[in-house]
Amino acid sequence: MVETGLVAIGAGLAIGLSAIGAALAEKEIGAAAVGAMAEKDEFFGKGLLMTVIPETLVIFGLVVAIMILGLAQGG
């Protein structure tokens, strides 16, 4: 019973902490991208791409959470 709760906490932390990290990165990148686009409009594509890249951290967190849940069911 306790093991199930600890597995759920671990999976939640994997997603939650990766989402917080991605949000902090997007905040900084977004501010820099808006500043760059204010000076030159042609930086829109690069700024958009750089803003989306930190979202891969959340995808990795989701994969780790799924792996944690899968290993807990198998073991």
N, C-alpha and C. Protein backbone atom coordinates (compact mmCIF):
# COMPACT_ATOMS: atom_id res chain seq x y z
N MET A 1 0.82 -1.18 0.00
CA MET A 1 0.00 0.00 0.00
C MET A 1 0.87 1.26 0.00
N VAL A 2 1.86 1.31 0.87
CA VAL A 2 2.75 2.46 0.93
C VAL A 2 3.58 2.55 -0.34
N GLU A 3 3.96 1.39 -0.88
CA GLU A 3 4.78 1.38 -2.09
C GLU A 3 4.04 2.03 -3.26
N THR A 4 2.74 1.78 -3.35
CA THR A 4 1.94 2.38 -4.42
C THR A 4 1.93 3.90 -4.30
N GLY A 5 1.81 4.40 -3.10
CA GLY A 5 1.82 5.84 -2.88
C GLY A 5 3.16 6.46 -3.22
N LEU A 6 4.24 5.77 -2.86
CA LEU A 6 5.57 6.29 -3.17
C LEU A 6 5.84 6.29 -4.67
N VAL A 7 5.34 5.27 -5.36
CA VAL A 7 5.49 5.23 -6.81
C VAL A 7 4.72 6.39 -7.45
N ALA A 8 3.51 6.65 -6.95
CA ALA A 8 2.71 7.76 -7.48
C ALA A 8 3.39 9.09 -7.21
N ILE A 9 3.97 9.25 -6.04
CA ILE A 9 4.69 10.49 -5.73
C ILE A 9 5.90 10.65 -6.64
N GLY A 10 6.62 9.58 -6.87
CA GLY A 10 7.78 9.64 -7.77
C GLY A 10 7.39 10.01 -9.19
N ALA A 11 6.31 9.41 -9.69
CA ALA A 11 5.85 9.74 -11.04
C ALA A 11 5.38 11.19 -11.11
N GLY A 12 4.68 11.65 -10.08
CA GLY A 12 4.22 13.04 -10.06
C GLY A 12 5.37 14.03 -10.00
N LEU A 13 6.39 13.69 -9.22
CA LEU A 13 7.56 14.56 -9.15
C LEU A 13 8.31 14.60 -10.48
N ALA A 14 8.35 13.47 -11.18
CA ALA A 14 9.04 13.44 -12.47
C ALA A 14 8.40 14.42 -13.45
N ILE A 15 7.08 14.45 -13.47
CA ILE A 15 6.39 15.36 -14.39
C ILE A 15 6.41 16.79 -13.83
N GLY A 16 6.11 16.94 -12.55
CA GLY A 16 6.00 18.27 -11.97
C GLY A 16 7.30 19.06 -11.99
N LEU A 17 8.38 18.43 -11.60
CA LEU A 17 9.66 19.15 -11.57
C LEU A 17 10.17 19.46 -12.98
N SER A 18 9.92 18.54 -13.93
CA SER A 18 10.34 18.84 -15.30
C SER A 18 9.49 19.97 -15.88
N ALA A 19 8.21 20.04 -15.50
CA ALA A 19 7.36 21.13 -15.98
C ALA A 19 7.79 22.48 -15.39
N ILE A 20 8.18 22.48 -14.13
CA ILE A 20 8.66 23.72 -13.51
C ILE A 20 9.96 24.18 -14.18
N GLY A 21 10.86 23.25 -14.43
CA GLY A 21 12.11 23.59 -15.12
C GLY A 21 11.87 24.14 -16.50
N ALA A 22 10.94 23.53 -17.24
CA ALA A 22 10.62 24.01 -18.59
C ALA A 22 9.99 25.39 -18.53
N ALA A 23 9.14 25.62 -17.54
CA ALA A 23 8.49 26.93 -17.42
C ALA A 23 9.51 28.03 -17.14
N LEU A 24 10.46 27.75 -16.26
CA LEU A 24 11.49 28.75 -15.97
C LEU A 24 12.35 29.03 -17.20
N ALA A 25 12.67 28.00 -17.96
CA ALA A 25 13.46 28.19 -19.18
C ALA A 25 12.68 28.97 -20.22
N GLU A 26 11.40 28.63 -20.37
CA GLU A 26 10.58 29.35 -21.36
C GLU A 26 10.41 30.81 -21.01
N LYS A 27 10.36 31.11 -19.72
CA LYS A 27 10.22 32.51 -19.29
C LYS A 27 11.41 33.32 -19.77
N GLU A 28 12.59 32.81 -19.54
CA GLU A 28 13.81 33.53 -19.93
C GLU A 28 13.95 33.61 -21.46
N ILE A 29 13.70 32.49 -22.12
CA ILE A 29 13.84 32.46 -23.58
C ILE A 29 12.79 33.35 -24.23
N GLY A 30 11.56 33.30 -23.70
CA GLY A 30 10.50 34.12 -24.27
C GLY A 30 10.79 35.60 -24.16
N ALA A 31 11.32 36.02 -23.02
CA ALA A 31 11.65 37.43 -22.85
C ALA A 31 12.74 37.86 -23.82
N ALA A 32 13.74 37.01 -23.99
CA ALA A 32 14.82 37.34 -24.93
C ALA A 32 14.32 37.33 -26.37
N ALA A 33 13.42 36.40 -26.69
CA ALA A 33 12.89 36.33 -28.06
C ALA A 33 12.05 37.55 -28.39
N VAL A 34 11.25 38.01 -27.45
CA VAL A 34 10.43 39.20 -27.69
C VAL A 34 11.33 40.43 -27.88
N GLY A 35 12.38 40.51 -27.08
CA GLY A 35 13.32 41.62 -27.24
C GLY A 35 14.02 41.59 -28.59
N ALA A 36 14.39 40.40 -29.04
CA ALA A 36 15.05 40.28 -30.34
C ALA A 36 14.09 40.62 -31.48
N MET A 37 12.83 40.19 -31.34
CA MET A 37 11.84 40.48 -32.39
C MET A 37 11.47 41.96 -32.42
N ALA A 38 11.61 42.63 -31.30
CA ALA A 38 11.32 44.06 -31.28
C ALA A 38 12.33 44.83 -32.12
N GLU A 39 13.55 44.30 -32.17
CA GLU A 39 14.59 44.95 -32.96
C GLU A 39 14.56 44.52 -34.42
N LYS A 40 14.40 43.21 -34.65
CA LYS A 40 14.38 42.70 -36.03
C LYS A 40 13.24 41.69 -36.16
N ASP A 41 12.34 41.94 -37.09
CA ASP A 41 11.18 41.05 -37.26
C ASP A 41 11.55 39.67 -37.77
N GLU A 42 12.68 39.53 -38.42
CA GLU A 42 13.04 38.24 -39.00
C GLU A 42 13.47 37.21 -37.94
N PHE A 43 13.57 37.61 -36.69
CA PHE A 43 13.90 36.66 -35.62
C PHE A 43 12.68 35.92 -35.08
N PHE A 44 11.51 36.12 -35.69
CA PHE A 44 10.29 35.49 -35.18
C PHE A 44 10.39 33.97 -35.21
N GLY A 45 10.83 33.41 -36.33
CA GLY A 45 10.91 31.95 -36.46
C GLY A 45 11.89 31.34 -35.48
N LYS A 46 13.06 31.94 -35.36
CA LYS A 46 14.06 31.43 -34.41
C LYS A 46 13.57 31.58 -32.97
N GLY A 47 12.93 32.69 -32.67
CA GLY A 47 12.42 32.89 -31.32
C GLY A 47 11.33 31.89 -30.98
N LEU A 48 10.46 31.61 -31.93
CA LEU A 48 9.40 30.63 -31.70
C LEU A 48 9.99 29.24 -31.50
N LEU A 49 10.97 28.88 -32.28
CA LEU A 49 11.61 27.57 -32.15
C LEU A 49 12.32 27.44 -30.81
N MET A 50 13.04 28.46 -30.41
CA MET A 50 13.75 28.41 -29.13
C MET A 50 12.79 28.39 -27.94
N THR A 51 11.61 28.97 -28.11
CA THR A 51 10.63 28.94 -27.03
C THR A 51 10.02 27.56 -26.87
N VAL A 52 9.90 26.81 -27.94
CA VAL A 52 9.27 25.49 -27.90
C VAL A 52 10.24 24.41 -27.42
N ILE A 53 11.51 24.57 -27.60
CA ILE A 53 12.49 23.53 -27.27
C ILE A 53 12.43 23.07 -25.80
N PRO A 54 12.26 23.93 -24.81
CA PRO A 54 12.20 23.43 -23.43
C PRO A 54 11.03 22.49 -23.14
N GLU A 55 10.02 22.48 -23.99
CA GLU A 55 8.90 21.57 -23.78
C GLU A 55 9.33 20.12 -23.88
N THR A 56 10.46 19.85 -24.53
CA THR A 56 10.93 18.47 -24.59
C THR A 56 11.28 17.96 -23.20
N LEU A 57 11.63 18.85 -22.28
CA LEU A 57 11.89 18.43 -20.90
C LEU A 57 10.67 17.79 -20.27
N VAL A 58 9.50 18.36 -20.55
CA VAL A 58 8.27 17.81 -19.99
C VAL A 58 7.97 16.46 -20.63
N ILE A 59 8.25 16.31 -21.91
CA ILE A 59 8.05 15.02 -22.57
C ILE A 59 8.96 13.97 -21.95
N PHE A 60 10.21 14.33 -21.68
CA PHE A 60 11.12 13.39 -21.01
C PHE A 60 10.62 13.05 -19.62
N GLY A 61 10.08 14.02 -18.89
CA GLY A 61 9.51 13.76 -17.58
C GLY A 61 8.33 12.82 -17.66
N LEU A 62 7.50 12.97 -18.69
CA LEU A 62 6.37 12.08 -18.89
C LEU A 62 6.84 10.66 -19.19
N VAL A 63 7.87 10.53 -20.01
CA VAL A 63 8.41 9.21 -20.32
C VAL A 63 8.96 8.54 -19.06
N VAL A 64 9.66 9.30 -18.24
CA VAL A 64 10.20 8.75 -16.99
C VAL A 64 9.07 8.34 -16.06
N ALA A 65 8.01 9.14 -15.98
CA ALA A 65 6.86 8.79 -15.13
C ALA A 65 6.19 7.52 -15.61
N ILE A 66 6.04 7.38 -16.92
CA ILE A 66 5.45 6.16 -17.46
C ILE A 66 6.33 4.96 -17.17
N MET A 67 7.65 5.14 -17.27
CA MET A 67 8.57 4.05 -16.95
C MET A 67 8.48 3.68 -15.48
N ILE A 68 8.38 4.67 -14.60
CA ILE A 68 8.25 4.40 -13.16
C ILE A 68 6.99 3.60 -12.88
N LEU A 69 5.88 4.03 -13.49
CA LEU A 69 4.62 3.32 -13.27
C LEU A 69 4.66 1.91 -13.86
N GLY A 70 5.29 1.78 -15.03
CA GLY A 70 5.39 0.46 -15.66
C GLY A 70 6.26 -0.49 -14.85
N LEU A 71 7.38 0.00 -14.32
CA LEU A 71 8.24 -0.86 -13.52
C LEU A 71 7.59 -1.24 -12.20
N ALA A 72 6.76 -0.35 -11.68
CA ALA A 72 6.09 -0.65 -10.41
C ALA A 72 5.04 -1.74 -10.60
N GLN A 73 4.36 -1.74 -11.76
CA GLN A 73 3.36 -2.77 -12.02
C GLN A 73 4.01 -4.11 -12.32
N GLY A 74 5.15 -4.07 -12.99
CA GLY A 74 5.83 -5.30 -13.37
C GLY A 74 6.54 -5.97 -12.19
N GLY A 75 6.93 -5.19 -11.20
CA GLY A 75 7.71 -5.73 -10.08
C GLY A 75 6.86 -6.02 -8.93
